[in-house]
Structures are given as C-alpha cells and as structure tokens.
Protein backbone atom coordinates (compact mmCIF):
# COMPACT_ATOMS: atom_id res chain seq x y z
CA MET A 1 -13.06 -23.72 -23.96
CA LYS A 2 -14.05 -20.09 -23.70
CA LYS A 3 -11.33 -17.45 -23.53
CA ILE A 4 -11.95 -15.02 -20.69
CA VAL A 5 -10.15 -11.77 -20.04
CA GLN A 6 -10.80 -8.90 -17.72
CA CYS A 7 -10.38 -5.38 -19.11
CA VAL A 8 -10.34 -2.33 -16.83
CA PRO A 9 -10.42 0.97 -18.78
CA ASN A 10 -10.00 4.09 -16.64
CA PHE A 11 -11.29 7.37 -18.03
CA SER A 12 -10.86 10.92 -16.77
CA GLU A 13 -14.41 11.88 -15.83
CA GLY A 14 -16.02 11.16 -12.49
CA ILE A 15 -18.29 14.12 -11.90
CA ARG A 16 -20.74 14.69 -14.78
CA LYS A 17 -23.11 11.72 -14.55
CA ASN A 18 -24.73 12.32 -17.94
CA ILE A 19 -21.32 12.33 -19.63
CA ILE A 20 -20.22 9.20 -17.77
CA GLU A 21 -23.29 7.38 -19.08
CA LYS A 22 -22.62 8.46 -22.67
CA ILE A 23 -19.01 7.28 -22.51
CA VAL A 24 -19.90 3.90 -21.01
CA GLU A 25 -22.91 3.29 -23.29
CA PRO A 26 -20.94 1.45 -26.06
CA LEU A 27 -19.97 -1.24 -23.53
CA LYS A 28 -23.50 -2.01 -22.36
CA ASN A 29 -25.50 -5.10 -23.34
CA LYS A 30 -23.01 -6.53 -25.82
CA GLU A 31 -22.60 -10.13 -26.98
CA GLY A 32 -19.53 -11.95 -25.78
CA PHE A 33 -18.66 -9.94 -22.71
CA LYS A 34 -20.26 -8.40 -19.66
CA LEU A 35 -20.05 -4.86 -18.34
CA VAL A 36 -19.54 -5.71 -14.69
CA SER A 37 -19.30 -2.23 -13.20
CA TYR A 38 -18.26 1.37 -13.63
CA GLU A 39 -17.26 3.18 -10.47
CA SER A 40 -16.86 6.95 -10.43
CA ASP A 41 -15.06 9.10 -7.90
CA GLN A 42 -15.71 12.84 -7.89
CA ASP A 43 -12.54 13.71 -5.97
CA TYR A 44 -10.39 11.68 -8.36
CA ASN A 45 -12.57 12.87 -11.30
CA ARG A 46 -12.15 9.40 -12.71
CA THR A 47 -14.25 6.36 -13.58
CA VAL A 48 -13.00 2.78 -13.45
CA VAL A 49 -14.80 0.43 -15.82
CA THR A 50 -14.67 -3.36 -15.58
CA ILE A 51 -15.64 -5.70 -18.41
CA ILE A 52 -15.07 -9.44 -18.55
CA GLY A 53 -15.49 -12.04 -21.27
CA ASP A 54 -14.29 -12.82 -24.80
CA PRO A 55 -11.46 -10.44 -25.82
CA GLU A 56 -12.25 -10.30 -29.54
CA SER A 57 -15.81 -9.23 -28.77
CA MET A 58 -14.48 -6.27 -26.80
CA ILE A 59 -12.48 -4.60 -29.57
CA LEU A 60 -15.14 -2.69 -31.54
CA PRO A 61 -17.11 -1.60 -28.45
CA LEU A 62 -13.87 -0.33 -26.90
CA VAL A 63 -13.13 1.68 -30.06
CA ASN A 64 -16.59 3.25 -29.76
CA PHE A 65 -15.95 3.84 -26.05
CA PHE A 66 -12.78 5.77 -26.96
CA GLU A 67 -14.75 7.82 -29.45
CA GLN A 68 -17.24 8.89 -26.79
CA ALA A 69 -14.43 9.86 -24.42
CA LEU A 70 -12.85 11.91 -27.22
CA ILE A 71 -16.14 13.70 -27.88
CA HIS A 72 -16.99 14.49 -24.26
CA ILE A 73 -13.68 15.04 -22.42
CA ASP A 74 -11.27 17.91 -22.99
CA MET A 75 -8.15 17.29 -20.90
CA ASN A 76 -7.27 21.00 -21.00
CA HIS A 77 -10.08 21.53 -18.49
CA GLN A 78 -9.91 18.26 -16.51
CA LYS A 79 -8.67 18.35 -12.90
CA GLY A 80 -8.73 15.74 -10.16
CA GLN A 81 -6.79 14.05 -7.38
CA HIS A 82 -5.72 11.12 -9.54
CA PRO A 83 -2.71 11.42 -11.89
CA ARG A 84 -3.78 11.24 -15.55
CA MET A 85 -2.48 11.78 -19.06
CA GLY A 86 -5.48 11.08 -21.27
CA ALA A 87 -9.25 11.13 -21.58
CA VAL A 88 -9.03 7.34 -21.50
CA ASP A 89 -6.01 7.11 -19.27
CA VAL A 90 -5.19 3.42 -19.24
CA VAL A 91 -6.59 0.15 -20.61
CA PRO A 92 -5.16 -3.01 -19.04
CA PHE A 93 -6.05 -6.54 -20.18
CA ILE A 94 -5.81 -9.31 -17.58
CA PRO A 95 -5.87 -13.01 -18.59
CA ILE A 96 -8.42 -14.92 -16.52
CA GLU A 97 -9.14 -18.30 -18.15
CA ASN A 98 -7.75 -20.07 -21.23
CA MET A 99 -5.77 -16.97 -22.26
CA THR A 100 -2.00 -16.67 -22.32
CA LYS A 101 -0.07 -13.50 -21.69
CA GLU A 102 1.03 -13.54 -25.33
CA GLU A 103 -2.56 -13.73 -26.56
CA CYS A 104 -3.47 -10.76 -24.38
CA ILE A 105 -0.55 -8.77 -25.78
CA GLU A 106 -1.87 -9.36 -29.31
CA ILE A 107 -5.30 -8.09 -28.24
CA ALA A 108 -3.68 -4.99 -26.69
CA LYS A 109 -1.79 -4.32 -29.93
CA LYS A 110 -4.89 -4.86 -32.06
CA LEU A 111 -6.91 -2.35 -30.03
CA SER A 112 -4.03 0.16 -29.97
CA ALA A 113 -3.59 0.00 -33.75
CA GLN A 114 -7.25 0.74 -34.37
CA ILE A 115 -7.43 3.56 -31.82
CA SER A 116 -4.29 5.35 -33.01
CA LYS A 117 -5.28 5.04 -36.69
CA LYS A 118 -8.88 6.19 -36.28
CA PHE A 119 -8.39 9.01 -33.75
CA SER A 120 -4.69 10.01 -34.05
CA ILE A 121 -4.11 9.24 -30.39
CA PRO A 122 -0.56 8.32 -29.28
CA ILE A 123 -0.50 5.02 -27.37
CA PHE A 124 2.12 3.44 -25.14
CA LEU A 125 2.24 -0.30 -24.47
CA TYR A 126 2.96 -0.95 -20.80
CA ALA A 127 3.49 -3.65 -18.16
CA GLN A 128 3.82 -7.12 -19.74
CA ALA A 129 3.14 -5.63 -23.19
CA ALA A 130 5.92 -3.02 -22.82
CA THR A 131 8.43 -2.73 -25.67
CA GLN A 132 10.99 -0.85 -23.56
CA LYS A 133 12.10 -1.10 -19.93
CA ASN A 134 11.06 2.48 -19.17
CA ARG A 135 7.47 1.58 -20.10
CA VAL A 136 6.90 -1.34 -17.77
CA LEU A 137 5.67 0.83 -14.90
CA LEU A 138 2.66 3.02 -15.59
CA PRO A 139 3.80 5.89 -13.29
CA SER A 140 6.95 6.24 -15.44
CA ILE A 141 4.86 6.70 -18.57
CA ARG A 142 2.37 8.99 -16.86
CA LYS A 143 5.01 11.21 -15.21
CA GLY A 144 4.41 14.82 -16.26
CA GLU A 145 0.72 14.02 -16.78
CA PHE A 146 -1.31 15.62 -19.55
CA GLU A 147 0.20 19.06 -19.04
CA GLY A 148 3.77 17.82 -19.53
CA MET A 149 3.13 15.20 -22.18
CA GLU A 150 3.51 17.42 -25.25
CA GLU A 151 7.09 18.24 -24.28
CA LYS A 152 7.79 14.67 -23.12
CA LEU A 153 6.83 13.21 -26.51
CA LYS A 154 9.55 15.28 -28.17
CA ASN A 155 12.13 13.06 -26.47
CA GLU A 156 12.99 10.10 -28.72
CA ILE A 157 12.90 7.65 -25.81
CA TRP A 158 9.22 8.50 -25.34
CA LYS A 159 8.17 7.95 -28.94
CA PRO A 160 4.76 6.21 -28.71
CA ASP A 161 4.36 2.57 -29.72
CA PHE A 162 1.38 3.54 -31.86
CA GLY A 163 0.65 6.88 -33.46
CA THR A 164 2.90 9.90 -33.85
CA SER A 165 4.82 11.93 -31.28
CA ASN A 166 2.18 14.66 -31.45
CA ILE A 167 -0.11 14.73 -28.44
CA HIS A 168 -3.83 14.83 -29.19
CA LYS A 169 -4.69 18.37 -28.14
CA THR A 170 -7.87 17.51 -26.23
CA PHE A 171 -7.58 13.76 -25.58
CA GLY A 172 -3.92 13.45 -24.58
CA VAL A 173 -2.31 10.00 -24.71
CA THR A 174 -3.22 6.50 -23.55
CA ALA A 175 -1.46 3.44 -22.17
CA VAL A 176 -2.68 -0.02 -23.17
CA GLY A 177 -1.16 -3.05 -21.55
CA VAL A 178 -1.29 -6.53 -20.12
CA ARG A 179 -0.85 -7.30 -16.46
CA ASP A 180 -1.60 -9.78 -13.75
CA PRO A 181 -4.57 -9.01 -11.52
CA LEU A 182 -3.71 -6.09 -9.26
CA ILE A 183 -5.64 -4.80 -6.31
CA ALA A 184 -6.69 -1.15 -6.48
CA TYR A 185 -6.92 -0.61 -2.74
CA ASN A 186 -7.51 2.48 -0.59
CA ILE A 187 -7.30 2.92 3.18
CA ASP A 188 -9.38 5.66 4.83
CA LEU A 189 -8.00 7.76 7.69
CA ASP A 190 -9.90 9.83 10.25
CA THR A 191 -8.08 13.05 9.38
CA ASP A 192 -8.14 15.71 6.67
CA ASP A 193 -4.37 16.24 6.95
CA ILE A 194 -2.91 15.30 3.56
CA GLU A 195 0.61 15.33 5.03
CA VAL A 196 -0.23 12.31 7.18
CA ALA A 197 -1.43 10.39 4.11
CA LYS A 198 1.78 11.38 2.28
CA LYS A 199 3.95 10.04 5.09
CA LEU A 200 1.99 6.79 5.35
CA ALA A 201 2.10 6.26 1.58
CA LYS A 202 5.86 6.74 1.69
CA THR A 203 6.08 4.09 4.41
CA ILE A 204 4.55 1.34 2.30
CA ARG A 205 5.47 2.03 -1.32
CA LYS A 206 8.37 0.29 -3.01
CA SER A 207 9.90 3.45 -4.48
CA SER A 208 10.40 4.89 -0.98
CA GLY A 209 11.84 1.72 0.52
CA GLY A 210 8.57 0.12 1.54
CA PHE A 211 6.91 -3.04 0.29
CA GLN A 212 7.75 -4.64 -3.03
CA TYR A 213 4.88 -4.59 -5.55
CA VAL A 214 3.16 -1.60 -3.92
CA GLN A 215 2.58 1.80 -5.52
CA ALA A 216 1.00 4.32 -3.16
CA GLY A 217 0.16 7.98 -2.74
CA PRO A 218 -2.10 10.36 -0.78
CA ALA A 219 -5.55 11.60 -1.70
CA TYR A 220 -8.00 14.01 -0.12
CA LEU A 221 -11.67 13.09 -0.50
CA LYS A 222 -13.52 16.38 -0.37
CA ASP A 223 -16.98 14.81 -0.33
CA ARG A 224 -16.06 12.57 2.61
CA GLY A 225 -13.93 15.13 4.40
CA HIS A 226 -10.93 12.89 5.02
CA VAL A 227 -7.76 11.64 3.42
CA GLN A 228 -6.82 8.16 2.32
CA VAL A 229 -3.76 6.24 1.31
CA THR A 230 -4.47 5.10 -2.24
CA MET A 231 -2.49 2.29 -3.82
CA ASN A 232 -2.08 -0.49 -6.33
CA ILE A 233 -0.93 -3.84 -4.97
CA LEU A 234 0.75 -5.30 -8.04
CA ASP A 235 1.24 -8.81 -6.64
CA TYR A 236 -1.07 -9.77 -3.77
CA LYS A 237 0.63 -13.18 -3.51
CA LYS A 238 3.93 -11.51 -2.56
CA ASN A 239 2.40 -8.76 -0.41
CA PRO A 240 -1.16 -9.59 0.63
CA ILE A 241 -3.78 -7.03 1.54
CA TYR A 242 -3.69 -7.76 5.26
CA ARG A 243 0.01 -6.88 5.48
CA ILE A 244 -0.56 -3.44 3.95
CA TYR A 245 -3.69 -2.81 6.00
CA GLU A 246 -2.11 -3.78 9.32
CA THR A 247 1.02 -1.74 8.57
CA ILE A 248 -1.01 1.40 7.93
CA LYS A 249 -3.04 0.78 11.11
CA MET A 250 0.18 0.50 13.10
CA GLU A 251 2.06 3.40 11.48
CA SER A 252 -0.92 5.78 11.67
CA LEU A 253 -0.68 5.68 15.47
CA ARG A 254 2.50 7.79 15.15
CA TYR A 255 0.26 10.68 14.10
CA ASP A 256 -2.65 10.00 16.49
CA VAL A 257 -4.72 8.93 13.49
CA LYS A 258 -6.91 5.87 13.09
CA VAL A 259 -7.90 3.78 10.09
CA THR A 260 -11.68 3.98 9.68
CA SER A 261 -12.24 1.69 6.70
CA SER A 262 -10.78 0.45 3.44
CA GLU A 263 -12.08 -0.14 -0.07
CA ILE A 264 -11.35 -2.09 -3.22
CA VAL A 265 -11.93 -0.28 -6.50
CA GLY A 266 -12.96 -2.52 -9.37
CA LEU A 267 -12.64 -6.29 -9.12
CA CYS A 268 -10.25 -8.53 -7.24
CA PRO A 269 -9.54 -12.27 -7.35
CA TYR A 270 -11.20 -14.51 -4.78
CA ASN A 271 -7.80 -15.65 -3.54
CA ALA A 272 -6.69 -12.08 -2.86
CA ILE A 273 -9.29 -11.90 -0.08
CA TYR A 274 -9.04 -15.54 0.97
CA SER A 275 -5.26 -15.35 1.49
CA SER A 276 -5.66 -12.38 3.83
CA LEU A 277 -8.47 -14.03 5.75
CA LYS A 278 -6.20 -17.03 6.36
CA TYR A 279 -3.93 -14.70 8.33
CA TYR A 280 -6.77 -13.38 10.49
CA PHE A 281 -8.20 -16.83 11.14
CA SER A 282 -4.83 -18.26 12.14
CA SER A 283 -3.98 -15.27 14.36
CA ASN A 284 -7.25 -15.96 16.20
CA PHE A 285 -6.39 -19.69 16.42
CA LEU A 286 -9.20 -20.62 14.04
CA ASN A 287 -9.20 -23.00 11.09
CA ILE A 288 -10.40 -21.36 7.89
CA PRO A 289 -12.72 -23.46 5.69
CA LYS A 290 -11.07 -24.64 2.48
CA ASN A 291 -13.71 -22.91 0.36
CA LEU A 292 -15.64 -19.99 1.75
CA SER A 293 -18.85 -19.16 -0.09
CA PHE A 294 -19.04 -15.78 -1.76
CA ASN A 295 -21.40 -14.62 1.00
CA ASP A 296 -19.05 -15.84 3.72
CA ILE A 297 -15.96 -14.26 2.21
CA ILE A 298 -17.75 -10.91 1.92
CA GLU A 299 -18.87 -11.10 5.54
CA GLN A 300 -15.40 -11.97 6.83
CA ALA A 301 -13.66 -9.37 4.64
CA LYS A 302 -15.88 -6.65 6.07
CA LYS A 303 -15.16 -7.90 9.59
CA TYR A 304 -11.37 -8.15 9.40
CA LEU A 305 -10.39 -5.68 6.68
CA ASN A 306 -13.20 -3.21 7.37
CA LEU A 307 -14.01 -3.10 3.67
CA ARG A 308 -16.77 -0.70 2.75
CA ASP A 309 -19.05 -1.04 -0.27
CA PHE A 310 -17.78 -4.58 -0.78
CA GLU A 311 -20.18 -7.05 -2.37
CA LYS A 312 -20.04 -10.32 -4.33
CA ASN A 313 -19.83 -8.53 -7.67
CA LYS A 314 -16.41 -7.22 -6.63
CA ILE A 315 -14.97 -10.73 -6.90
CA ILE A 316 -13.84 -11.78 -10.38
CA GLU A 317 -14.87 -15.41 -10.05
CA TYR A 318 -18.43 -14.48 -9.09
CA HIS A 319 -19.08 -13.41 -12.68
CA PHE A 320 -18.22 -16.71 -14.34
CA LYS A 321 -18.41 -19.37 -11.64
CA GLU A 322 -21.85 -20.71 -10.84
CA LYS A 323 -21.01 -21.30 -7.21
CA LEU A 324 -18.13 -21.46 -4.79
C-alpha cells in the first residue's frame, strides 16, 4: 500500500512573482508526489506550498527548494504581516495514509540533516517531532523572529536540533516537524481597525483564555483594505471551524463590525468541513447526507461558512480519492 504524506512548506516571499516561481520550480512535475498548490499573500509576504504523495520522493526536491529560497531571499530585507524566522520558515509533515507518526518523524530528521549539512542552516524539530517541551509549539520557537534569533541561539536551551548555534546571516533558521492536519483559517472583517482584530483574536485563542487548540492573531490586508483574524486550528475535532466562525460573528457585534467572509489557506481534511456542516444542517432541522460529494460540500461550505476562493482542490482527499 502506498505511503502518503502531506507536506506544507511556508517560505517568506509573497510579492515577487518571478522569485516565487523560481523557488517552487524544484517541486514541479516530480515522480512520486504532486505539487497541489502554492498560495501567496502579498500582505503576509509569504507563500504556502502544499505537496502530497510518497515522502521519500520529496526529500531531494525539498533540498533543491531550500537552495532556491537561500539564493533568492535575504531575510535582512524581508518584511510582512506574518511572523517569520527564516527564508523557508516551517516545513510540517502530516501523515495521511499508511504512514505512522514515527515514520514521519524519521522523514523530518532525514530532511533536516541534509539541509543543515549542505547549507549550514540551523533547524529546530517541532510539534510531534520536538525533542524538548519548549519546542512543541511553533510560536515558542519563532518568538523573536529573524531579528531576534541570533541572540536567542546563544541561549543553551535554544541550541538547534540540527546545525550550529550560529544563525545563517541571510536565510535565518527553520523549523521542521510532524503534526496532525491543522486548519489555517482566516476570518475577514468589514473594518480596517487592527485593534478590533486584536481583541477578537484574543477572545478565541488558547493563550488568552479562549478555545483550546486555537492560535490566533490580527492581520491587516492592505490590498483588500480590511483586517482579518488569522489563526491555526490545531485540532478541528475538538474545536470545529463553525464554533470559531460563529464566535467571531457574535463577538464582532461588540464593535459594530461584521464578518464578510472567511478563507482556508492550503488544504484541509474533508471531515473538517463535513463536521461543521453537520452543525448547520442540524440547527436548521435538516438531515445531512452521510457522504456529500466534493461539489456538494464546496457549495454548502460557501453557503454556511462564507468561504471565499474555496474549491475541490482545497480538500486533501480530492487529490487521492477517485470519488466521494
């Protein structure tokens, strides 16, 4: 049986289209895995790449991908709304089919060893691959960002898992890890007031007393002229999308602000959407079909969650299931 993993490298360039193409090029048209998407955001100055397939086939192309990021990104001149600490900021592996967590950790270590040796880039293992408790959560590793990382690495407790404690002067550092599928989810507000987004993010995130398994912050989208609450839902089974969405809709009324839309960045599991639709169907006294087709689930997700730019290729299972 084929081993299938999802890998979601994030790199710190979302503006220069020609550079984005050069960095992503090593992942295109390769045997063994599929480049599903690469989504760039100019305000975040960040691109989220999604590949899915055989993990061993990904290793060499990912090394070449790192090389292109090293060539074309100088973190001394990179600015954006999204926190970051490296040219390739984070590389999570997510087991999808016939892969254990332990097997994914070995893949993460194999990639990290090659990257650190070839390019002298310090690498932290995080999430389920973490070697220390202070490295489980990515925000803990990233705290201080690129600008503060040189000083941070001098502290023995932040000695990298791979490479030396010397920051790469132009690339920075990287985190490579293993995690369960998370939902990179943003909720758009009809205001340009960043303070409102800050207050709403504080309402829902775990660290401020909000929902478990939710990391959230504010962002201003200059091109769109509004703010959004941006978040990672680390466990959609414990806190489903609908609960976060409806909470923000309710709490935003305190500030005479409305939710205009929401978006998912990268891929999400079929069940992450289906579980939220079950809530909306039941609250409207409707029975939800046991299996919604991909077309149906997209239609209903746009209706109830007001998801923008949401198509079938955003659903993980669409890329390796013939039909549903």
